[in-house]
C-alpha atoms as a PDB file:
ATOM      1  CA  MET A   1      -8.491-127.982  -9.870  1.00  0.00           C
ATOM      2  CA  GLU A   2      -6.621-126.219  -7.093  1.00  0.00           C
ATOM      3  CA  THR A   3      -8.145-124.758  -3.957  1.00  0.00           C
ATOM      4  CA  LEU A   4      -6.838-121.998  -1.695  1.00  0.00           C
ATOM      5  CA  ILE A   5      -8.757-120.873   1.408  1.00  0.00           C
ATOM      6  CA  GLY A   6      -8.022-118.100   3.902  1.00  0.00           C
ATOM      7  CA  MET A   7      -9.761-116.356   6.795  1.00  0.00           C
ATOM      8  CA  VAL A   8      -8.949-113.601   9.256  1.00  0.00           C
ATOM      9  CA  GLY A   9      -9.620-114.297  12.916  1.00  0.00           C
ATOM     10  CA  LYS A  10      -9.330-112.281  16.090  1.00  0.00           C
ATOM     11  CA  ASP A  11      -5.516-111.985  16.027  1.00  0.00           C
ATOM     12  CA  PHE A  12      -4.413-114.398  13.293  1.00  0.00           C
ATOM     13  CA  VAL A  13      -4.947-115.462   9.672  1.00  0.00           C
ATOM     14  CA  LEU A  14      -5.599-119.131   8.901  1.00  0.00           C
ATOM     15  CA  THR A  15      -4.885-120.482   5.399  1.00  0.00           C
ATOM     16  CA  ALA A  16      -5.286-123.809   3.627  1.00  0.00           C
ATOM     17  CA  ALA A  17      -4.011-125.005   0.258  1.00  0.00           C
ATOM     18  CA  ASP A  18      -4.541-128.382  -1.337  1.00  0.00           C
ATOM     19  CA  THR A  19      -1.378-130.394  -1.966  1.00  0.00           C
ATOM     20  CA  SER A  20      -2.179-131.998  -5.311  1.00  0.00           C
ATOM     21  CA  ALA A  21      -0.412-131.114  -8.543  1.00  0.00           C
ATOM     22  CA  ALA A  22      -2.528-132.234 -11.496  1.00  0.00           C
ATOM     23  CA  ARG A  23      -2.626-131.628 -15.200  1.00  0.00           C
ATOM     24  CA  SER A  24      -5.652-132.632 -17.267  1.00  0.00           C
ATOM     25  CA  ILE A  25      -6.744-136.050 -15.935  1.00  0.00           C
ATOM     26  CA  THR A  26      -3.416-136.943 -14.308  1.00  0.00           C
ATOM     27  CA  VAL A  27      -2.319-136.305 -10.733  1.00  0.00           C
ATOM     28  CA  MET A  28       1.448-135.875 -10.894  1.00  0.00           C
ATOM     29  CA  LYS A  29       2.159-135.143  -7.256  1.00  0.00           C
ATOM     30  CA  SER A  30       0.157-135.268  -4.044  1.00  0.00           C
ATOM     31  CA  ASN A  31       2.489-133.417  -1.668  1.00  0.00           C
ATOM     32  CA  GLU A  32       3.002-130.076  -3.436  1.00  0.00           C
ATOM     33  CA  ASP A  33       3.458-127.083  -1.119  1.00  0.00           C
ATOM     34  CA  LYS A  34       1.546-124.185  -2.699  1.00  0.00           C
ATOM     35  CA  SER A  35       2.745-121.604  -0.211  1.00  0.00           C
ATOM     36  CA  ARG A  36       5.811-119.468   0.355  1.00  0.00           C
ATOM     37  CA  ASP A  37       6.738-117.659   3.545  1.00  0.00           C
ATOM     38  CA  LEU A  38       7.575-114.117   2.444  1.00  0.00           C
ATOM     39  CA  ASN A  39       8.938-113.179   5.858  1.00  0.00           C
ATOM     40  CA  LYS A  40       8.410-114.156   9.480  1.00  0.00           C
ATOM     41  CA  HIS A  41       4.814-112.867   9.551  1.00  0.00           C
ATOM     42  CA  ILE A  42       3.576-113.170   5.933  1.00  0.00           C
ATOM     43  CA  VAL A  43       2.645-116.243   3.885  1.00  0.00           C
ATOM     44  CA  MET A  44       1.637-116.290   0.221  1.00  0.00           C
ATOM     45  CA  LEU A  45      -0.541-119.069  -1.250  1.00  0.00           C
ATOM     46  CA  TYR A  46      -0.604-119.486  -5.025  1.00  0.00           C
ATOM     47  CA  SER A  47      -2.460-121.396  -7.726  1.00  0.00           C
ATOM     48  CA  GLY A  48      -2.491-121.390 -11.501  1.00  0.00           C
ATOM     49  CA  GLU A  49      -0.225-122.606 -14.275  1.00  0.00           C
ATOM     50  CA  PRO A  50       2.497-124.797 -12.694  1.00  0.00           C
ATOM     51  CA  GLY A  51       5.561-123.084 -14.186  1.00  0.00           C
ATOM     52  CA  ASP A  52       4.181-119.595 -13.638  1.00  0.00           C
ATOM     53  CA  THR A  53       3.194-120.192 -10.032  1.00  0.00           C
ATOM     54  CA  VAL A  54       6.541-121.476  -8.794  1.00  0.00           C
ATOM     55  CA  HIS A  55       8.557-118.908 -10.767  1.00  0.00           C
ATOM     56  CA  PHE A  56       6.397-115.978  -9.687  1.00  0.00           C
ATOM     57  CA  ALA A  57       6.224-117.101  -6.043  1.00  0.00           C
ATOM     58  CA  GLU A  58      10.008-117.441  -5.823  1.00  0.00           C
ATOM     59  CA  TYR A  59      10.446-114.064  -7.562  1.00  0.00           C
ATOM     60  CA  ILE A  60       8.183-112.328  -5.021  1.00  0.00           C
ATOM     61  CA  GLN A  61       9.749-114.188  -2.086  1.00  0.00           C
ATOM     62  CA  ARG A  62      13.281-113.172  -3.117  1.00  0.00           C
ATOM     63  CA  ASN A  63      12.342-109.545  -3.791  1.00  0.00           C
ATOM     64  CA  VAL A  64      10.590-109.167  -0.428  1.00  0.00           C
ATOM     65  CA  ARG A  65      13.684-110.600   1.254  1.00  0.00           C
ATOM     66  CA  PHE A  66      15.947-108.298  -0.794  1.00  0.00           C
ATOM     67  CA  TYR A  67      13.883-105.272   0.285  1.00  0.00           C
ATOM     68  CA  GLU A  68      14.294-106.260   3.932  1.00  0.00           C
ATOM     69  CA  ILE A  69      18.056-106.683   3.578  1.00  0.00           C
ATOM     70  CA  LYS A  70      18.456-103.436   1.633  1.00  0.00           C
ATOM     71  CA  ASN A  71      16.265-101.260   3.890  1.00  0.00           C
ATOM     72  CA  GLY A  72      16.512-103.052   7.222  1.00  0.00           C
ATOM     73  CA  ILE A  73      12.746-103.242   7.783  1.00  0.00           C
ATOM     74  CA  GLU A  74      10.173-106.007   7.378  1.00  0.00           C
ATOM     75  CA  LEU A  75       7.356-105.395   4.893  1.00  0.00           C
ATOM     76  CA  THR A  76       3.802-105.292   6.201  1.00  0.00           C
ATOM     77  CA  PRO A  77       1.181-107.575   4.636  1.00  0.00           C
ATOM     78  CA  LYS A  78      -0.339-104.567   2.839  1.00  0.00           C
ATOM     79  CA  ALA A  79       3.036-103.538   1.405  1.00  0.00           C
ATOM     80  CA  ALA A  80       3.770-107.094   0.259  1.00  0.00           C
ATOM     81  CA  ALA A  81       0.332-107.351  -1.386  1.00  0.00           C
ATOM     82  CA  THR A  82       0.768-103.979  -3.104  1.00  0.00           C
ATOM     83  CA  PHE A  83       4.190-104.945  -4.447  1.00  0.00           C
ATOM     84  CA  THR A  84       2.857-108.320  -5.633  1.00  0.00           C
ATOM     85  CA  ARG A  85      -0.151-106.725  -7.319  1.00  0.00           C
ATOM     86  CA  LYS A  86       2.099-104.247  -9.115  1.00  0.00           C
ATOM     87  CA  GLU A  87       4.354-107.025 -10.401  1.00  0.00           C
ATOM     88  CA  LEU A  88       1.338-109.006 -11.667  1.00  0.00           C
ATOM     89  CA  ALA A  89      -0.125-105.926 -13.355  1.00  0.00           C
ATOM     90  CA  THR A  90       3.234-105.160 -14.986  1.00  0.00           C
ATOM     91  CA  SER A  91       3.591-108.730 -16.274  1.00  0.00           C
ATOM     92  CA  LEU A  92       0.026-108.602 -17.630  1.00  0.00           C
ATOM     93  CA  ARG A  93       1.131-105.835 -19.992  1.00  0.00           C
ATOM     94  CA  SER A  94       4.176-107.770 -21.207  1.00  0.00           C
ATOM     95  CA  ARG A  95       4.607-110.579 -23.706  1.00  0.00           C
ATOM     96  CA  HIS A  96       4.718-113.198 -20.947  1.00  0.00           C
ATOM     97  CA  PRO A  97       2.018-112.563 -18.325  1.00  0.00           C
ATOM     98  CA  TYR A  98       1.816-114.787 -15.255  1.00  0.00           C
ATOM     99  CA  ALA A  99      -1.349-116.883 -14.816  1.00  0.00           C
ATOM    100  CA  VAL A 100      -1.271-116.857 -11.010  1.00  0.00           C
ATOM    101  CA  ASN A 101      -3.968-116.364  -8.361  1.00  0.00           C
ATOM    102  CA  LEU A 102      -2.785-115.496  -4.860  1.00  0.00           C
ATOM    103  CA  LEU A 103      -3.783-115.134  -1.241  1.00  0.00           C
ATOM    104  CA  ILE A 104      -1.397-113.086   0.893  1.00  0.00           C
ATOM    105  CA  ALA A 105      -1.977-113.510   4.613  1.00  0.00           C
ATOM    106  CA  GLY A 106      -0.050-111.955   7.443  1.00  0.00           C
ATOM    107  CA  TYR A 107       0.158-110.268  10.786  1.00  0.00           C
ATOM    108  CA  ASP A 108       1.138-106.586  10.824  1.00  0.00           C
ATOM    109  CA  VAL A 109       3.406-106.089  13.834  1.00  0.00           C
ATOM    110  CA  THR A 110       3.167-102.281  13.555  1.00  0.00           C
ATOM    111  CA  THR A 111      -0.636-102.078  13.830  1.00  0.00           C
ATOM    112  CA  LEU A 112      -1.113-105.466  15.572  1.00  0.00           C
ATOM    113  CA  THR A 113      -3.731-106.544  13.019  1.00  0.00           C
ATOM    114  CA  SER A 114      -4.216-109.633  10.862  1.00  0.00           C
ATOM    115  CA  GLN A 115      -4.712-109.082   7.141  1.00  0.00           C
ATOM    116  CA  LEU A 116      -5.703-111.195   4.138  1.00  0.00           C
ATOM    117  CA  TYR A 117      -5.405-110.061   0.513  1.00  0.00           C
ATOM    118  CA  TRP A 118      -7.099-111.713  -2.468  1.00  0.00           C
ATOM    119  CA  ILE A 119      -5.183-111.157  -5.724  1.00  0.00           C
ATOM    120  CA  ASP A 120      -6.130-112.599  -9.107  1.00  0.00           C
ATOM    121  CA  TYR A 121      -4.166-113.089 -12.306  1.00  0.00           C
ATOM    122  CA  LEU A 122      -5.424-109.751 -13.697  1.00  0.00           C
ATOM    123  CA  GLY A 123      -3.744-107.823 -10.899  1.00  0.00           C
ATOM    124  CA  SER A 124      -6.909-107.104  -8.900  1.00  0.00           C
ATOM    125  CA  SER A 125      -6.259-106.903  -5.177  1.00  0.00           C
ATOM    126  CA  ILE A 126      -8.533-106.413  -2.194  1.00  0.00           C
ATOM    127  CA  SER A 127      -8.320-106.839   1.560  1.00  0.00           C
ATOM    128  CA  VAL A 128     -10.942-109.371   2.665  1.00  0.00           C
ATOM    129  CA  PRO A 129     -12.073-111.110   5.890  1.00  0.00           C
ATOM    130  CA  PHE A 130     -12.130-114.486   4.090  1.00  0.00           C
ATOM    131  CA  ALA A 131     -11.290-115.683   0.589  1.00  0.00           C
ATOM    132  CA  ALA A 132     -10.938-118.678  -1.696  1.00  0.00           C
ATOM    133  CA  HIS A 133      -9.455-119.355  -5.132  1.00  0.00           C
ATOM    134  CA  GLY A 134     -10.032-122.212  -7.539  1.00  0.00           C
ATOM    135  CA  TYR A 135     -12.964-124.519  -8.147  1.00  0.00           C
ATOM    136  CA  GLY A 136     -13.182-125.198  -4.425  1.00  0.00           C
ATOM    137  CA  ALA A 137     -14.283-121.596  -3.940  1.00  0.00           C
ATOM    138  CA  TYR A 138     -17.711-122.520  -5.309  1.00  0.00           C
ATOM    139  CA  TYR A 139     -18.245-124.737  -2.259  1.00  0.00           C
ATOM    140  CA  THR A 140     -16.268-122.992   0.462  1.00  0.00           C
ATOM    141  CA  LEU A 141     -17.307-119.359   0.068  1.00  0.00           C
ATOM    142  CA  SER A 142     -20.889-120.079   1.120  1.00  0.00           C
ATOM    143  CA  LEU A 143     -19.653-121.789   4.303  1.00  0.00           C
ATOM    144  CA  LEU A 144     -17.236-118.952   5.038  1.00  0.00           C
ATOM    145  CA  ASP A 145     -19.985-116.384   4.435  1.00  0.00           C
ATOM    146  CA  ARG A 146     -22.322-118.210   6.806  1.00  0.00           C
ATOM    147  CA  TYR A 147     -19.962-119.052   9.680  1.00  0.00           C
ATOM    148  CA  HIS A 148     -17.121-116.506   9.609  1.00  0.00           C
ATOM    149  CA  ARG A 149     -17.021-113.820  12.302  1.00  0.00           C
ATOM    150  CA  PRO A 150     -14.293-111.202  12.812  1.00  0.00           C
ATOM    151  CA  ASP A 151     -13.745-112.378  16.410  1.00  0.00           C
ATOM    152  CA  LEU A 152     -13.155-116.081  15.600  1.00  0.00           C
ATOM    153  CA  SER A 153     -10.739-117.849  17.914  1.00  0.00           C
ATOM    154  CA  LEU A 154      -8.095-120.124  16.417  1.00  0.00           C
ATOM    155  CA  ASP A 155      -9.980-123.231  17.559  1.00  0.00           C
ATOM    156  CA  GLU A 156     -13.207-121.987  15.957  1.00  0.00           C
ATOM    157  CA  ALA A 157     -11.335-121.178  12.739  1.00  0.00           C
ATOM    158  CA  LYS A 158      -9.854-124.692  12.674  1.00  0.00           C
ATOM    159  CA  ILE A 159     -13.380-126.120  12.937  1.00  0.00           C
ATOM    160  CA  LEU A 160     -14.562-123.855  10.099  1.00  0.00           C
ATOM    161  CA  ILE A 161     -11.642-124.771   7.822  1.00  0.00           C
ATOM    162  CA  LYS A 162     -12.344-128.442   8.586  1.00  0.00           C
ATOM    163  CA  LYS A 163     -15.984-127.890   7.523  1.00  0.00           C
ATOM    164  CA  CYS A 164     -14.762-126.370   4.242  1.00  0.00           C
ATOM    165  CA  ILE A 165     -12.403-129.288   3.575  1.00  0.00           C
ATOM    166  CA  ASP A 166     -15.084-131.855   4.451  1.00  0.00           C
ATOM    167  CA  GLU A 167     -17.507-130.112   2.083  1.00  0.00           C
ATOM    168  CA  LEU A 168     -14.940-130.313  -0.725  1.00  0.00           C
ATOM    169  CA  LYS A 169     -14.280-133.987  -0.029  1.00  0.00           C
ATOM    170  CA  SER A 170     -17.986-134.855  -0.079  1.00  0.00           C
ATOM    171  CA  ARG A 171     -19.239-132.683  -2.983  1.00  0.00           C
ATOM    172  CA  PHE A 172     -16.311-131.872  -5.291  1.00  0.00           C
ATOM    173  CA  ILE A 173     -15.818-134.357  -8.112  1.00  0.00           C
ATOM    174  CA  ILE A 174     -12.020-134.118  -7.864  1.00  0.00           C
ATOM    175  CA  ASN A 175     -10.371-135.900  -4.937  1.00  0.00           C
ATOM    176  CA  LEU A 176      -8.193-133.346  -3.163  1.00  0.00           C
ATOM    177  CA  ALA A 177      -6.058-135.694  -1.102  1.00  0.00           C
ATOM    178  CA  ASP A 178      -4.700-133.395   1.563  1.00  0.00           C
ATOM    179  CA  PHE A 179      -4.430-129.758   2.661  1.00  0.00           C
ATOM    180  CA  LYS A 180      -1.536-127.828   4.136  1.00  0.00           C
ATOM    181  CA  ILE A 181      -2.795-125.518   6.884  1.00  0.00           C
ATOM    182  CA  LYS A 182      -0.779-122.482   7.997  1.00  0.00           C
ATOM    183  CA  VAL A 183      -1.452-119.761  10.529  1.00  0.00           C
ATOM    184  CA  ALA A 184       0.127-116.304  10.684  1.00  0.00           C
ATOM    185  CA  ASP A 185      -0.024-114.412  13.969  1.00  0.00           C
ATOM    186  CA  LYS A 186       2.169-112.381  16.330  1.00  0.00           C
ATOM    187  CA  ASP A 187       4.439-115.424  16.779  1.00  0.00           C
ATOM    188  CA  GLY A 188       5.018-115.756  13.024  1.00  0.00           C
ATOM    189  CA  VAL A 189       3.972-118.185  10.298  1.00  0.00           C
ATOM    190  CA  ARG A 190       3.723-121.867  11.180  1.00  0.00           C
ATOM    191  CA  GLU A 191       2.120-125.029   9.875  1.00  0.00           C
ATOM    192  CA  ILE A 192      -0.574-126.613  12.027  1.00  0.00           C
ATOM    193  CA  GLU A 193      -2.727-129.744  12.017  1.00  0.00           C
ATOM    194  CA  ILE A 194      -6.528-129.727  12.233  1.00  0.00           C
END
């Protein structure tokens, strides 16, 4: 019942993840952070099986950090997405595959571009202008398709993400209590309010 949303704007990427942790008909937690900052400019949002998601997200976060310490350079969003996709594809062919869907959003300081990658549990990865995972995608993708433009300002993107959240709250049968909104741009990853 989880929902992840992301969109690329003029010089930023805006992401949103619901904060509920539920299993079957029970909500166990309503303040779950479903994101991990991979480095100063990259954030990863995740959804899926609870144990898999946290374990896999921490594994990727630690390995990206290890790469930076070992080599002295920060990974680009594309490099982080490629590494993550490879690890998911490798686990898929093992006895214990991860059931994790991801959005990797970041700002590439070398090319000065914002990037968003959609990755599913089968190891498929693609760079997209906007994306969504979970049941909420059925409602939000049509809004993103209609209103998203490549030259969106941050204020316009906040309005669009608010439209997506309002649509979920009015039409989705599950009550998604709250969303954690993050933006990645030249100044880094930070949480914002809408």
